[in-house]
Protein backbone atom coordinates (compact mmCIF):
# COMPACT_ATOMS: atom_id res chain seq x y z
CA UNK A 1 -182.76 -160.66 -121.92
CA UNK A 2 -185.92 -161.31 -119.93
CA UNK A 3 -185.22 -158.28 -117.80
CA UNK A 4 -184.91 -156.15 -120.92
CA UNK A 5 -188.23 -157.43 -122.27
CA UNK A 6 -189.88 -156.80 -118.93
CA UNK A 7 -188.51 -153.25 -118.92
CA UNK A 8 -189.85 -152.62 -122.42
CA UNK A 9 -193.28 -153.92 -121.43
CA UNK A 10 -193.36 -151.68 -118.36
CA UNK A 11 -192.41 -148.67 -120.46
CA UNK A 12 -195.18 -149.43 -122.95
CA UNK A 13 -197.76 -149.83 -120.17
CA UNK A 14 -196.65 -146.60 -118.56
CA UNK A 15 -196.97 -144.70 -121.83
CA UNK A 16 -200.42 -146.24 -122.41
CA UNK A 17 -201.62 -145.25 -118.94
CA UNK A 18 -200.22 -141.75 -119.36
CA UNK A 19 -201.96 -141.36 -122.71
CA UNK A 20 -205.29 -142.51 -121.26
CA UNK A 21 -204.83 -140.15 -118.35
CA UNK A 22 -204.24 -137.28 -120.78
CA UNK A 23 -207.42 -138.21 -122.67
CA UNK A 24 -209.42 -138.24 -119.44
CA UNK A 25 -208.09 -134.85 -118.45
CA UNK A 26 -208.87 -133.44 -121.89
CA UNK A 27 -212.34 -134.99 -121.75
CA UNK A 28 -212.98 -133.47 -118.34
CA UNK A 29 -211.79 -130.03 -119.40
CA UNK A 30 -213.77 -130.09 -122.64
CA UNK A 31 -217.01 -131.53 -121.28
CA UNK A 32 -219.67 -128.90 -122.03
CA UNK A 33 -223.20 -128.44 -120.89
CA UNK A 34 -225.55 -126.58 -123.14
CA UNK A 35 -228.65 -125.56 -121.29
CA UNK A 36 -231.37 -124.16 -123.42
CA UNK A 37 -233.60 -122.15 -121.17
CA UNK A 38 -236.78 -121.12 -122.87
CA UNK A 39 -238.16 -119.05 -120.03
CA UNK A 40 -239.34 -116.48 -122.55
CA UNK A 41 -242.33 -118.75 -123.03
CA UNK A 42 -243.24 -118.17 -119.40
CA UNK A 43 -244.16 -114.53 -119.93
CA UNK A 44 -243.68 -112.60 -116.73
CA UNK A 45 -240.62 -113.87 -114.79
CA UNK A 46 -242.11 -112.46 -111.59
CA UNK A 47 -245.31 -114.47 -112.05
CA UNK A 48 -247.35 -115.23 -108.93
CA UNK A 49 -250.50 -117.29 -108.97
CA UNK A 50 -253.76 -115.41 -108.46
CA UNK A 51 -256.01 -116.44 -105.59
CA UNK A 52 -259.58 -117.52 -106.33
CA UNK A 53 -260.53 -116.63 -102.74
CA UNK A 54 -259.36 -113.05 -103.17
CA UNK A 55 -261.20 -112.81 -106.48
CA UNK A 56 -264.44 -113.89 -104.75
CA UNK A 57 -263.87 -111.40 -101.91
CA UNK A 58 -263.32 -108.54 -104.36
CA UNK A 59 -266.43 -109.52 -106.30
CA UNK A 60 -268.52 -109.52 -103.12
CA UNK A 61 -267.24 -106.07 -102.15
CA UNK A 62 -267.73 -104.65 -105.64
CA UNK A 63 -268.78 -106.79 -108.61
CA UNK A 64 -266.22 -106.65 -111.41
CA UNK A 65 -263.22 -106.11 -109.12
CA UNK A 66 -262.52 -109.85 -109.02
CA UNK A 67 -262.17 -109.89 -112.80
CA UNK A 68 -259.98 -106.77 -112.65
CA UNK A 69 -257.75 -108.54 -110.09
CA UNK A 70 -257.50 -111.51 -112.48
CA UNK A 71 -256.40 -109.20 -115.28
CA UNK A 72 -259.59 -109.44 -117.35
CA UNK A 73 -261.99 -106.52 -116.87
CA UNK A 74 -263.73 -107.01 -120.24
CA UNK A 75 -266.74 -108.64 -118.57
CA UNK A 76 -266.17 -107.25 -115.08
CA UNK A 77 -266.97 -103.71 -116.17
CA UNK A 78 -270.56 -104.71 -116.91
CA UNK A 79 -270.99 -106.11 -113.39
CA UNK A 80 -269.66 -102.85 -111.93
CA UNK A 81 -272.02 -100.77 -114.06
CA UNK A 82 -274.97 -103.02 -113.20
CA UNK A 83 -274.17 -102.70 -109.50
CA UNK A 84 -274.23 -98.92 -109.73
CA UNK A 85 -277.58 -98.98 -111.51
CA UNK A 86 -279.09 -101.39 -108.98
CA UNK A 87 -277.87 -99.33 -106.03
CA UNK A 88 -279.43 -96.26 -107.61
CA UNK A 89 -282.73 -98.11 -108.01
CA UNK A 90 -282.51 -99.36 -104.43
CA UNK A 91 -282.07 -95.83 -103.11
CA UNK A 92 -284.84 -94.43 -105.31
CA UNK A 93 -287.41 -97.07 -104.37
CA UNK A 94 -286.52 -96.77 -100.67
CA UNK A 95 -286.99 -93.00 -100.64
CA UNK A 96 -290.23 -93.22 -102.61
CA UNK A 97 -291.59 -96.00 -100.38
CA UNK A 98 -290.80 -94.05 -97.22
CA UNK A 99 -292.51 -90.93 -98.56
CA UNK A 100 -295.63 -92.86 -99.52
CA UNK A 101 -295.66 -94.60 -96.13
CA UNK A 102 -295.61 -91.25 -94.39
CA UNK A 103 -298.40 -90.08 -96.71
CA UNK A 104 -300.76 -92.99 -96.07
CA UNK A 105 -300.19 -92.88 -92.31
CA UNK A 106 -300.92 -89.17 -92.22
CA UNK A 107 -304.00 -89.76 -94.37
CA UNK A 108 -305.20 -92.54 -92.03
CA UNK A 109 -304.77 -90.29 -89.02
CA UNK A 110 -306.60 -87.39 -90.64
CA UNK A 111 -309.49 -89.19 -92.39
CA UNK A 112 -309.80 -92.51 -90.59
CA UNK A 113 -309.28 -91.41 -86.98
CA UNK A 114 -306.42 -93.90 -86.67
CA UNK A 115 -304.01 -93.78 -83.73
CA UNK A 116 -300.68 -94.59 -85.34
CA UNK A 117 -298.68 -95.75 -82.31
CA UNK A 118 -298.37 -99.48 -81.77
CA UNK A 119 -299.74 -100.53 -85.16
CA UNK A 120 -298.04 -103.15 -87.34
CA UNK A 121 -297.94 -103.55 -91.14
CA UNK A 122 -300.84 -105.99 -91.13
CA UNK A 123 -303.10 -103.43 -89.47
CA UNK A 124 -302.37 -100.78 -92.12
CA UNK A 125 -303.08 -103.38 -94.81
CA UNK A 126 -306.39 -104.41 -93.23
CA UNK A 127 -307.76 -100.89 -92.89
CA UNK A 128 -307.34 -100.45 -96.64
CA UNK A 129 -309.88 -103.25 -97.22
CA UNK A 130 -312.61 -102.39 -94.69
CA UNK A 131 -314.41 -99.10 -94.17
CA UNK A 132 -314.47 -99.40 -90.40
CA UNK A 133 -313.46 -101.66 -87.55
CA UNK A 134 -317.00 -102.98 -87.06
CA UNK A 135 -317.10 -104.45 -90.58
CA UNK A 136 -313.72 -106.07 -90.04
CA UNK A 137 -314.54 -107.58 -86.64
CA UNK A 138 -317.94 -108.84 -87.81
CA UNK A 139 -316.35 -110.78 -90.68
CA UNK A 140 -313.68 -112.29 -88.45
CA UNK A 141 -316.28 -113.39 -85.89
CA UNK A 142 -318.41 -115.01 -88.60
CA UNK A 143 -315.33 -116.91 -89.76
CA UNK A 144 -314.62 -117.87 -86.14
CA UNK A 145 -311.23 -116.06 -86.30
CA UNK A 146 -311.61 -114.61 -82.84
CA UNK A 147 -307.89 -114.07 -82.35
CA UNK A 148 -307.88 -111.67 -85.30
CA UNK A 149 -310.57 -109.39 -83.85
CA UNK A 150 -309.27 -105.88 -83.04
CA UNK A 151 -309.83 -104.03 -79.77
CA UNK A 152 -312.10 -101.15 -80.67
CA UNK A 153 -310.45 -98.86 -78.14
CA UNK A 154 -306.88 -99.27 -79.42
CA UNK A 155 -307.35 -100.14 -83.13
CA UNK A 156 -310.32 -98.05 -84.11
CA UNK A 157 -310.79 -96.68 -87.64
CA UNK A 158 -313.71 -95.35 -89.67
CA UNK A 159 -313.31 -93.98 -93.23
CA UNK A 160 -316.89 -92.65 -93.28
CA UNK A 161 -317.13 -93.46 -97.02
CA UNK A 162 -315.54 -95.75 -99.60
CA UNK A 163 -313.91 -92.84 -101.46
CA UNK A 164 -311.56 -92.07 -98.58
CA UNK A 165 -310.77 -95.72 -98.11
CA UNK A 166 -309.85 -96.06 -101.79
CA UNK A 167 -307.65 -92.97 -101.66
CA UNK A 168 -305.87 -94.46 -98.67
CA UNK A 169 -305.46 -97.79 -100.42
CA UNK A 170 -303.81 -96.12 -103.43
CA UNK A 171 -301.26 -94.47 -101.17
CA UNK A 172 -300.68 -97.71 -99.27
CA UNK A 173 -300.33 -99.73 -102.52
CA UNK A 174 -297.80 -97.26 -103.91
CA UNK A 175 -295.67 -97.63 -100.80
CA UNK A 176 -295.91 -101.42 -100.81
CA UNK A 177 -294.99 -101.59 -104.50
CA UNK A 178 -291.92 -99.46 -103.85
CA UNK A 179 -290.84 -101.67 -100.93
CA UNK A 180 -291.41 -104.76 -103.06
CA UNK A 181 -289.10 -103.27 -105.67
CA UNK A 182 -286.55 -102.62 -102.92
CA UNK A 183 -286.58 -106.33 -102.12
CA UNK A 184 -286.08 -107.13 -105.80
CA UNK A 185 -283.14 -104.71 -105.86
CA UNK A 186 -281.55 -106.45 -102.87
CA UNK A 187 -281.95 -109.79 -104.63
CA UNK A 188 -280.41 -108.32 -107.78
CA UNK A 189 -277.42 -107.02 -105.79
CA UNK A 190 -276.83 -110.48 -104.33
CA UNK A 191 -277.23 -112.19 -107.70
CA UNK A 192 -274.88 -109.72 -109.36
CA UNK A 193 -272.20 -110.58 -106.81
CA UNK A 194 -272.67 -114.32 -107.21
CA UNK A 195 -272.40 -114.19 -111.00
CA UNK A 196 -269.44 -111.80 -110.83
CA UNK A 197 -267.65 -114.15 -108.40
CA UNK A 198 -268.18 -117.08 -110.80
CA UNK A 199 -266.70 -115.11 -113.69
CA UNK A 200 -263.84 -113.91 -111.46
CA UNK A 201 -262.88 -117.46 -110.47
CA UNK A 202 -262.98 -118.48 -114.11
CA UNK A 203 -260.74 -115.52 -115.02
CA UNK A 204 -258.26 -116.46 -112.27
CA UNK A 205 -258.12 -120.05 -113.47
CA UNK A 206 -257.53 -118.92 -117.04
CA UNK A 207 -254.79 -116.54 -115.89
CA UNK A 208 -252.97 -119.18 -113.84
CA UNK A 209 -253.31 -121.78 -116.57
CA UNK A 210 -251.97 -119.41 -119.18
CA UNK A 211 -249.02 -118.31 -117.06
CA UNK A 212 -247.97 -121.63 -115.58
CA UNK A 213 -248.47 -124.77 -117.64
CA UNK A 214 -246.99 -128.11 -116.70
CA UNK A 215 -243.14 -128.06 -116.67
CA UNK A 216 -241.40 -130.57 -118.95
CA UNK A 217 -237.70 -131.44 -119.30
CA UNK A 218 -235.80 -132.88 -122.26
CA UNK A 219 -232.23 -134.11 -121.73
CA UNK A 220 -230.03 -135.03 -124.70
CA UNK A 221 -226.53 -136.46 -124.68
CA UNK A 222 -224.22 -136.23 -127.62
CA UNK A 223 -220.62 -136.81 -128.70
CA UNK A 224 -218.98 -134.22 -130.89
CA UNK A 225 -215.82 -135.11 -132.83
CA UNK A 226 -214.12 -132.08 -134.37
CA UNK A 227 -211.00 -132.19 -136.59
CA UNK A 228 -207.80 -130.98 -134.92
CA UNK A 229 -209.70 -130.50 -131.63
CA UNK A 230 -210.30 -132.77 -128.66
CA UNK A 231 -213.54 -134.70 -128.69
CA UNK A 232 -216.38 -133.20 -126.66
CA UNK A 233 -219.40 -134.63 -124.93
CA UNK A 234 -222.56 -132.50 -125.02
CA UNK A 235 -225.42 -132.61 -122.55
CA UNK A 236 -228.46 -130.52 -123.55
CA UNK A 237 -231.19 -129.56 -121.07
CA UNK A 238 -234.40 -128.12 -122.40
CA UNK A 239 -237.25 -126.92 -120.24
CA UNK A 240 -240.58 -125.68 -121.51
CA UNK A 241 -243.50 -124.02 -119.80
């Protein structure tokens, strides 16, 4: 009798284990993963971050190109246009200044008996203020500026009258004004590149921020019980950009 009871118990345990095994197999086969991939929020799947260094380099080479590289030429176009205008002004002032320099040197040679070789800019400025070398040297000696006194044999000039000196000074002033404007143009070219580089870096940062925000993950587990079907576990992954 005891053997019969023991046999019945073993049969019941075997059937229980078999049933649980069947449930585990069904659970394994019906376990589903639902991954919700919202990469459409990313925009361009081939996205690569823009380089701020390259944007600065492009802006230095040609203002506005850094913004174009960053995908925003709305402001960059004005830097490109401004650069063209400044370069045109630079060329114009340089040509005009050179022409006027040639004019005042020729005038000094013809009407002031000036020997042009070996003379610096300061000399050509000084002869526009004094009618002859004697007046200049006398003033320097009175002020005890002996080092500034010119050698009469190498730096001689004599305008003969104030009218010629004033004509020379007008030519000299025109040339100096043009060269001063050239220096302003150079400064404007540098400033245009600095400002363009700042805007280009800002455009790159905006582009990268827009295209690649911080990645976040949401994981949800669930149990789905459907009539006449095996029970399913659900695991949902959700990533957002």
